Protein backbone atom coordinates (compact mmCIF):
# COMPACT_ATOMS: atom_id res chain seq x y z
CA MET A 1 97.16 104.17 85.53
CA THR A 2 95.64 102.26 82.39
CA SER A 3 95.87 103.64 78.92
CA HIS A 4 92.40 105.06 79.91
CA PRO A 5 91.73 107.85 82.35
CA THR A 6 91.61 106.92 85.45
CA ASP A 7 90.01 110.36 86.17
CA HIS A 8 86.50 108.92 84.87
CA PRO A 9 83.42 110.37 86.03
CA VAL A 10 81.64 108.75 89.03
CA ALA A 11 78.59 109.47 91.40
CA ARG A 12 79.68 111.25 94.54
CA PRO A 13 78.53 109.74 97.52
CA THR A 14 75.92 112.07 99.26
CA ALA A 15 77.89 112.25 102.36
CA SER A 16 81.55 112.01 101.71
CA LEU A 17 83.91 109.87 103.58
CA SER A 18 87.05 111.41 101.88
CA ARG A 19 88.80 112.81 104.80
CA ARG A 20 92.13 115.23 105.34
CA THR A 21 94.58 113.91 107.64
CA GLY A 22 96.70 116.70 107.94
CA LEU A 23 99.42 115.13 105.45
CA ARG A 24 102.38 117.34 104.52
CA LEU A 25 101.09 118.05 101.10
CA ALA A 26 103.76 120.89 100.75
CA ALA A 27 106.28 120.90 103.07
CA THR A 28 106.90 123.62 105.68
CA GLY A 29 110.15 124.75 103.87
CA THR A 30 110.31 122.58 100.87
CA ALA A 31 110.83 124.86 98.29
CA ALA A 32 113.24 126.86 99.35
CA LEU A 33 115.29 123.23 100.34
CA ALA A 34 114.85 122.04 96.43
CA ALA A 35 116.09 125.11 95.55
CA ALA A 36 119.20 124.06 97.25
CA GLY A 37 118.86 121.06 95.36
CA LEU A 38 121.97 118.48 94.78
CA ALA A 39 124.51 121.94 94.43
CA SER A 40 124.68 121.81 98.31
CA LEU A 41 125.55 118.49 98.46
CA THR A 42 128.37 118.92 95.93
CA PRO A 43 131.59 119.49 95.06
CA ALA A 44 129.90 115.68 94.66
CA ALA A 45 132.43 112.70 95.81
CA LEU A 46 130.30 109.27 96.33
CA ALA A 47 132.25 106.86 98.96
CA GLN A 48 132.65 103.49 97.26
CA GLY A 49 132.50 99.85 98.39
CA PRO A 50 130.04 98.46 100.69
CA GLY A 51 129.26 99.84 104.20
CA VAL A 52 130.22 97.78 107.36
CA ALA A 53 127.20 97.09 110.46
CA ALA A 54 123.93 98.67 109.89
CA SER A 55 124.33 100.14 113.90
CA GLY A 56 127.54 102.81 115.20
CA PRO A 57 129.82 104.66 113.60
CA VAL A 58 131.66 103.24 109.97
CA LEU A 59 134.00 103.90 107.94
CA VAL A 60 133.95 103.72 104.26
CA GLY A 61 136.46 103.01 101.38
CA ARG A 62 138.16 105.86 99.99
CA PRO A 63 136.13 108.37 98.17
CA ARG A 64 135.74 108.83 94.33
CA PRO A 65 134.74 111.85 91.96
CA ALA A 66 130.79 111.74 91.03
CA PRO A 67 129.75 112.17 88.01
CA ALA A 68 127.27 114.66 87.19
CA PRO A 69 123.44 114.47 86.92
CA GLY A 70 123.08 114.30 83.10
CA THR A 71 126.27 112.86 82.17
CA GLY A 72 127.47 109.60 80.86
CA LEU A 73 123.95 108.81 79.66
CA GLU A 74 124.03 106.48 75.88
CA PRO A 75 121.80 104.17 74.55
CA GLY A 76 122.31 100.42 76.54
CA ALA A 77 123.57 102.59 79.89
CA VAL A 78 122.43 101.48 83.30
CA ALA A 79 121.78 105.34 84.88
CA HIS A 80 119.86 106.18 88.46
CA VAL A 81 117.19 108.67 89.08
CA ALA A 82 119.46 112.04 90.40
CA VAL A 83 116.38 114.01 91.25
CA THR A 84 113.46 113.62 94.53
CA ALA A 85 111.30 111.65 91.32
CA THR A 86 111.31 112.33 87.72
CA THR A 87 108.12 111.89 85.62
CA LEU A 88 107.95 109.84 82.30
CA TRP A 89 106.33 111.45 79.45
CA VAL A 90 104.83 109.84 76.63
CA ALA A 91 106.53 112.18 74.57
CA PRO A 92 109.34 114.59 74.81
CA ARG A 93 109.05 118.95 75.44
CA THR A 94 104.98 118.47 75.32
CA ALA A 95 104.85 120.11 78.89
CA ARG A 96 103.38 123.28 79.68
CA PRO A 97 105.23 126.10 79.97
CA GLY A 98 104.59 128.19 83.34
CA ILE A 99 103.02 124.99 84.67
CA ASP A 100 105.25 122.03 84.08
CA ASP A 101 108.05 123.66 84.82
CA PRO A 102 109.11 122.82 88.17
CA SER A 103 109.14 119.14 87.35
CA LEU A 104 111.72 119.33 85.00
CA THR A 105 114.30 121.34 86.50
CA THR A 106 117.46 119.78 88.14
CA PRO A 107 116.36 120.04 90.95
CA VAL A 108 112.87 119.30 91.12
CA ASP A 109 110.24 121.31 93.20
CA LEU A 110 107.52 119.07 93.13
CA ASP A 111 105.14 120.81 95.88
CA ALA A 112 105.79 124.28 93.80
CA TRP A 113 104.49 122.00 90.40
CA ASN A 114 101.21 120.86 92.60
CA ARG A 115 100.66 124.38 93.36
CA ASN A 116 100.64 125.46 90.22
CA MET A 117 97.43 122.60 89.43
CA GLU A 118 95.43 123.52 92.13
CA ASP A 119 92.54 123.90 89.32
CA THR A 120 91.02 120.50 88.03
CA GLU A 121 91.55 121.20 84.75
CA THR A 122 94.90 122.06 84.82
CA ARG A 123 95.63 119.09 86.52
CA ARG A 124 93.14 116.66 84.78
CA TRP A 125 95.55 117.83 81.39
CA LEU A 126 98.59 115.21 82.35
CA THR A 127 95.68 112.65 81.56
CA GLY A 128 97.33 110.33 78.79
CA GLU A 129 100.51 112.40 78.66
CA LEU A 130 102.59 111.28 81.61
CA GLU A 131 103.30 107.38 81.72
CA SER A 132 104.98 106.78 85.68
CA GLN A 133 107.10 108.41 87.61
CA ALA A 134 110.59 107.01 89.55
CA VAL A 135 111.94 108.27 92.71
CA LEU A 136 115.67 109.07 93.49
CA GLY A 137 117.92 105.78 92.99
CA SER A 138 115.51 104.06 91.39
CA GLU A 139 117.52 102.57 88.43
CA VAL A 140 116.74 103.15 84.69
CA ILE A 141 117.88 101.86 81.36
CA VAL A 142 118.40 104.38 78.82
CA ASP A 143 117.03 103.27 74.92
CA GLU A 144 117.44 106.90 73.60
CA ILE A 145 118.86 110.30 73.77
CA ASP A 146 116.86 113.40 72.28
CA GLY A 147 117.99 116.39 72.77
CA ASP A 148 118.08 116.85 76.55
CA TRP A 149 115.19 114.52 76.80
CA ALA A 150 115.98 110.53 77.48
CA HIS A 151 113.69 107.69 76.63
CA ILE A 152 114.43 105.35 79.78
CA VAL A 153 112.77 101.94 81.10
CA VAL A 154 112.05 101.96 84.71
CA THR A 155 113.49 98.66 85.91
CA ALA A 156 111.27 98.47 89.61
CA GLN A 157 108.12 98.68 87.65
CA PRO A 158 106.54 95.88 85.74
CA THR A 159 104.80 96.11 82.63
CA PRO A 160 103.83 94.03 79.71
CA ARG A 161 104.47 96.46 77.49
CA ASP A 162 108.40 96.06 77.79
CA PRO A 163 109.95 93.21 80.01
CA ARG A 164 112.84 95.40 81.43
CA GLY A 165 110.75 98.15 83.06
CA TYR A 166 107.93 100.79 82.41
CA PRO A 167 109.04 103.33 79.49
CA GLY A 168 108.93 107.46 79.00
CA TRP A 169 110.74 110.16 78.51
CA VAL A 170 112.35 112.15 81.63
CA PRO A 171 114.72 115.16 81.31
CA THR A 172 118.36 113.41 80.80
CA GLY A 173 119.57 116.35 84.07
CA HIS A 174 117.84 113.67 86.10
CA LEU A 175 119.64 110.97 85.55
CA VAL A 176 123.15 110.08 86.27
CA ALA A 177 125.18 107.00 85.08
CA ASP A 178 127.50 106.44 88.15
CA PRO A 179 129.57 102.98 88.27
CA GLY A 180 130.16 103.68 91.81
CA PHE A 181 126.53 104.66 92.97
CA ALA A 182 125.41 100.99 91.21
CA GLU A 183 127.79 99.00 92.63
CA LEU A 184 126.73 100.47 95.98
CA ALA A 185 123.32 99.88 95.24
CA ALA A 186 124.15 96.30 94.58
CA THR A 187 126.25 95.39 97.77
CA ALA A 188 125.76 97.52 100.52
CA PRO A 189 122.89 98.07 102.82
CA THR A 190 119.89 100.05 101.95
CA ALA A 191 117.76 103.02 103.38
CA THR A 192 114.19 102.47 102.50
CA VAL A 193 112.52 106.25 103.64
CA THR A 194 109.38 105.48 105.60
CA ALA A 195 108.67 108.81 106.51
CA LEU A 196 106.06 111.00 104.22
CA THR A 197 109.05 113.22 103.06
CA SER A 198 112.27 113.33 104.15
CA THR A 199 115.24 115.67 103.36
CA LEU A 200 118.93 115.11 102.77
CA ALA A 201 121.57 116.74 104.62
CA ALA A 202 125.55 117.58 104.56
CA THR A 203 126.04 116.77 108.17
CA PRO A 204 124.10 114.42 110.98
CA ALA A 205 122.84 117.38 112.72
CA GLY A 206 120.85 118.09 109.19
CA THR A 207 122.64 121.33 108.51
CA ARG A 208 123.05 122.36 104.94
CA PRO A 209 120.22 120.66 103.55
CA GLY A 210 119.38 119.43 100.43
CA ILE A 211 116.86 117.88 97.80
CA ASP A 212 113.84 116.31 99.61
CA VAL A 213 113.35 112.72 99.38
CA SER A 214 110.00 110.73 98.91
CA PHE A 215 108.52 107.66 100.97
CA ASP A 216 109.64 104.60 99.64
CA THR A 217 113.08 106.05 98.31
CA ILE A 218 115.88 103.60 98.88
CA LEU A 219 119.31 104.06 98.59
CA PRO A 220 122.73 102.41 99.64
CA VAL A 221 123.82 103.30 103.39
CA LEU A 222 127.50 104.05 104.06
CA GLY A 223 127.45 104.55 108.11
CA ARG A 224 125.07 105.14 111.07
CA THR A 225 125.54 107.65 113.92
CA GLY A 226 123.40 108.41 116.53
CA ARG A 227 121.10 110.29 114.90
CA SER A 228 121.16 109.83 111.02
CA VAL A 229 122.24 107.20 108.50
CA GLU A 230 124.51 108.36 105.95
CA VAL A 231 123.95 107.56 102.21
CA ALA A 232 125.32 107.30 98.76
CA VAL A 233 123.58 109.47 96.44
CA PRO A 234 123.60 109.25 92.76
CA GLY A 235 125.29 112.28 91.15
CA ALA A 236 126.52 113.44 94.41
CA ARG A 237 128.32 113.40 97.51
CA SER A 238 126.72 111.37 100.62
CA ALA A 239 124.04 112.81 102.93
CA HIS A 240 122.63 112.14 105.96
CA LEU A 241 118.61 110.91 106.81
CA PRO A 242 117.34 111.15 109.92
CA ALA A 243 117.36 107.75 111.03
CA ALA A 244 113.73 108.02 112.39
CA ASP A 245 112.90 108.88 108.86
CA VAL A 246 114.31 105.33 107.37
CA VAL A 247 114.59 101.44 107.93
CA VAL A 248 118.21 100.28 107.37
CA ARG A 249 117.91 96.20 105.60
CA ALA A 250 121.37 94.29 105.10
CA PRO A 251 122.52 93.84 101.51
CA GLY A 252 119.71 91.95 100.43
CA GLU A 253 117.60 91.60 102.76
CA GLN A 254 113.36 91.90 102.15
CA PRO A 255 110.66 93.83 104.19
CA PRO A 256 109.32 91.17 106.17
CA ALA A 257 106.00 89.72 105.11
CA PRO A 258 103.65 91.67 105.84
CA THR A 259 99.81 91.79 107.04
CA VAL A 260 96.66 92.94 105.08
CA GLU A 261 96.75 95.17 108.21
CA ASP A 262 99.90 96.51 107.57
CA VAL A 263 99.48 97.42 104.07
CA ILE A 264 95.79 99.07 105.03
CA ALA A 265 97.95 101.13 107.75
CA THR A 266 100.21 102.58 104.92
CA GLY A 267 97.52 103.47 102.80
CA GLU A 268 95.73 105.40 105.83
CA ARG A 269 98.63 107.65 105.87
CA PHE A 270 98.52 109.37 102.83
CA LEU A 271 94.61 109.74 103.37
CA GLY A 272 93.84 113.62 101.75
CA LEU A 273 96.95 113.61 99.34
CA ARG A 274 96.15 114.92 96.13
CA TYR A 275 95.38 112.65 92.85
CA LEU A 276 98.29 113.00 90.33
CA TRP A 277 98.24 111.15 87.23
CA ALA A 278 101.30 108.70 86.98
CA GLY A 279 102.34 109.50 90.77
CA VAL A 280 104.39 106.78 92.35
CA SER A 281 105.33 109.26 95.72
CA ALA A 282 104.41 111.07 98.71
CA TYR A 283 104.08 114.03 95.94
CA GLY A 284 100.63 112.71 94.51
CA PHE A 285 99.48 109.21 93.21
CA ASP A 286 97.05 108.34 90.38
CA CYS A 287 94.96 105.12 90.96
CA SER A 288 97.18 102.13 90.20
CA GLY A 289 100.77 103.90 91.87
CA TYR A 290 98.55 104.39 94.94
CA THR A 291 98.53 100.65 95.03
CA TYR A 292 102.09 99.03 93.52
CA THR A 293 103.46 101.62 95.91
CA LEU A 294 101.99 100.12 98.66
CA PHE A 295 102.64 97.08 98.10
CA ARG A 296 105.70 97.10 96.81
CA HIS A 297 106.93 99.04 99.92
CA HIS A 298 106.10 95.98 101.91
CA GLY A 299 107.94 93.95 99.43
CA ILE A 300 105.85 92.67 96.98
CA THR A 301 106.16 93.37 93.42
CA ILE A 302 102.86 93.96 91.60
CA HIS A 303 102.61 95.25 87.98
CA ARG A 304 102.67 99.02 87.75
CA ASP A 305 99.32 99.60 85.73
CA ALA A 306 95.64 98.67 86.87
CA GLY A 307 95.13 96.44 83.94
CA ASN A 308 98.11 94.44 84.51
CA GLN A 309 97.39 94.47 88.19
CA MET A 310 94.31 92.71 87.94
CA HIS A 311 95.35 90.55 84.56
CA ASP A 312 99.41 90.01 84.82
CA SER A 313 100.23 89.93 88.45
CA GLY A 314 99.46 86.71 88.87
CA LEU A 315 96.88 86.90 91.57
CA ALA A 316 94.04 85.09 92.76
CA GLU A 317 90.81 85.79 91.00
CA VAL A 318 88.53 86.62 94.17
CA ALA A 319 84.26 86.43 93.42
CA ARG A 320 82.35 90.10 94.93
CA GLU A 321 80.66 87.63 97.77
CA ASP A 322 84.27 86.74 99.00
CA LEU A 323 86.03 89.95 99.03
CA ARG A 324 88.30 90.47 102.17
CA ARG A 325 89.82 93.39 103.90
CA GLY A 326 93.45 93.97 101.60
CA ASP A 327 91.81 93.05 98.22
CA LEU A 328 92.17 94.81 94.97
CA VAL A 329 89.22 95.71 93.49
CA PHE A 330 88.94 96.52 89.74
CA PHE A 331 86.73 99.00 87.46
CA ALA A 332 86.46 98.93 83.95
CA THR A 333 85.32 101.78 81.20
CA GLU A 334 82.00 100.16 80.99
CA PRO A 335 79.29 98.22 82.61
CA GLY A 336 80.47 94.89 81.11
CA GLY A 337 83.72 96.28 79.87
CA SER A 338 87.25 94.18 80.05
CA SER A 339 89.44 97.30 79.74
CA ILE A 340 90.10 98.04 83.12
CA ARG A 341 90.68 102.24 83.92
CA HIS A 342 90.46 102.34 87.88
CA VAL A 343 91.84 99.92 90.92
CA ALA A 344 90.97 100.39 94.53
CA LEU A 345 91.94 98.41 97.92
CA TYR A 346 88.76 96.91 99.63
CA LEU A 347 88.63 97.60 103.41
CA GLY A 348 85.07 95.83 104.16
CA ASP A 349 82.06 96.40 104.32
CA ASP A 350 81.57 97.39 101.17
CA GLN A 351 84.30 100.54 102.06
CA ILE A 352 87.49 100.98 99.45
CA MET A 353 90.43 103.08 99.81
CA GLN A 354 91.09 104.94 96.68
CA ALA A 355 92.99 107.41 95.03
CA PRO A 356 89.89 108.41 92.53
CA ASN A 357 90.78 111.17 90.46
CA ALA A 358 91.84 114.44 89.59
CA ALA A 359 89.47 116.51 91.48
CA ARG A 360 90.26 114.44 94.06
CA SER A 361 92.44 113.36 96.85
CA VAL A 362 93.46 109.78 98.53
CA GLU A 363 89.87 108.97 100.27
CA ILE A 364 87.67 106.32 101.88
CA MET A 365 84.45 105.39 100.35
CA SER A 366 81.66 103.18 99.56
CA LEU A 367 82.49 100.82 96.76
CA THR A 368 78.16 101.13 96.08
CA GLU A 369 78.17 104.78 96.01
CA TYR A 370 81.42 104.93 93.78
CA ASP A 371 80.20 102.43 91.04
CA PRO A 372 76.72 103.14 90.79
CA THR A 373 76.64 102.10 87.37
CA GLY A 374 78.14 98.90 87.40
CA GLU A 375 81.39 99.31 86.40
CA TYR A 376 83.31 96.54 88.55
CA ALA A 377 85.04 94.16 86.78
CA GLY A 378 86.87 91.76 89.19
CA ALA A 379 88.96 91.56 92.36
CA ARG A 380 92.16 90.08 93.16
CA ARG A 381 93.72 88.78 96.20
CA VAL A 382 97.69 89.90 96.79
CA ILE A 383 98.16 88.41 100.66
CA ALA A 384 96.23 85.62 101.45
CA ALA A 385 94.25 85.11 104.88
CA ASP A 386 95.50 83.55 107.68
């Protein structure tokens, strides 16, 4: 995302190369599960202390009551996101009644929100109204409280706008100041969600389902069984995720260094996912949220916004004639312009993979057809060639 609309009009290819691959845009039963929400995981009790080995049964420390979402928030407080994903707004109380409500409730219902925005113009309205998103468990710093809204920065999303993280306004009910969770997040093994979406449940067998979680959600691990991983949840009691939906890493362990093909394969999993301005989850991406998330999932942190990915992430500049698979390609608001409006992942052979605009979905298409007026602005290499 940039300060300029990512859904800048572009020429459509004569033979579209976009494709849908059966991606679960609205998982069956998601709305019902979301309606159960965090309440299905209460009374809240969060285990303290790090988990033990990443395999076999695990015993954790004595449970302690967890604070409820929306509590413990004050300027300067460190908090965590307590819903599937919270959306950061430019200003509080600017959402559209009846359209954006599912993104503001506790729990959120992002499938319902997407259904409310099937129309392109309804979805395009979000351009410039939203800042970013943050998924369940993300750390934030609270700057200001204004009624039932909080101004925060998301510490995992770099931006020159604030050295602490990406700023925006969210409902206070989407956050919780939970010292027990914060301690576990700093000391325990972690489970990173590798499925496009998964669902928290109260039991290893998946009964008593709670809220859904998105790809690249990271939660502290409390234990494992043969079929599930028990994780800490901010503002709620511990819950279980299917073992097949996550990868477990030791405290402080980073993902293995990826190849270009690893990143591209991850990006291909989202082909057909509808564009969402400010999105960084499996419920929708904008252009730079897509590239930011793909590389972050593989342990590489770049800036959140397109212009900053090009100019501020310290990435090596690449001439157009030297483009390779996995490079980031950038587009300006006008031919020869310096203001960056869009970023895509280069696939080779004049093909790019991108989240283009509110009318479309994550797709593969020709770079030349995407850019008939010469707004190509440059490229950067994230992963050096072997």
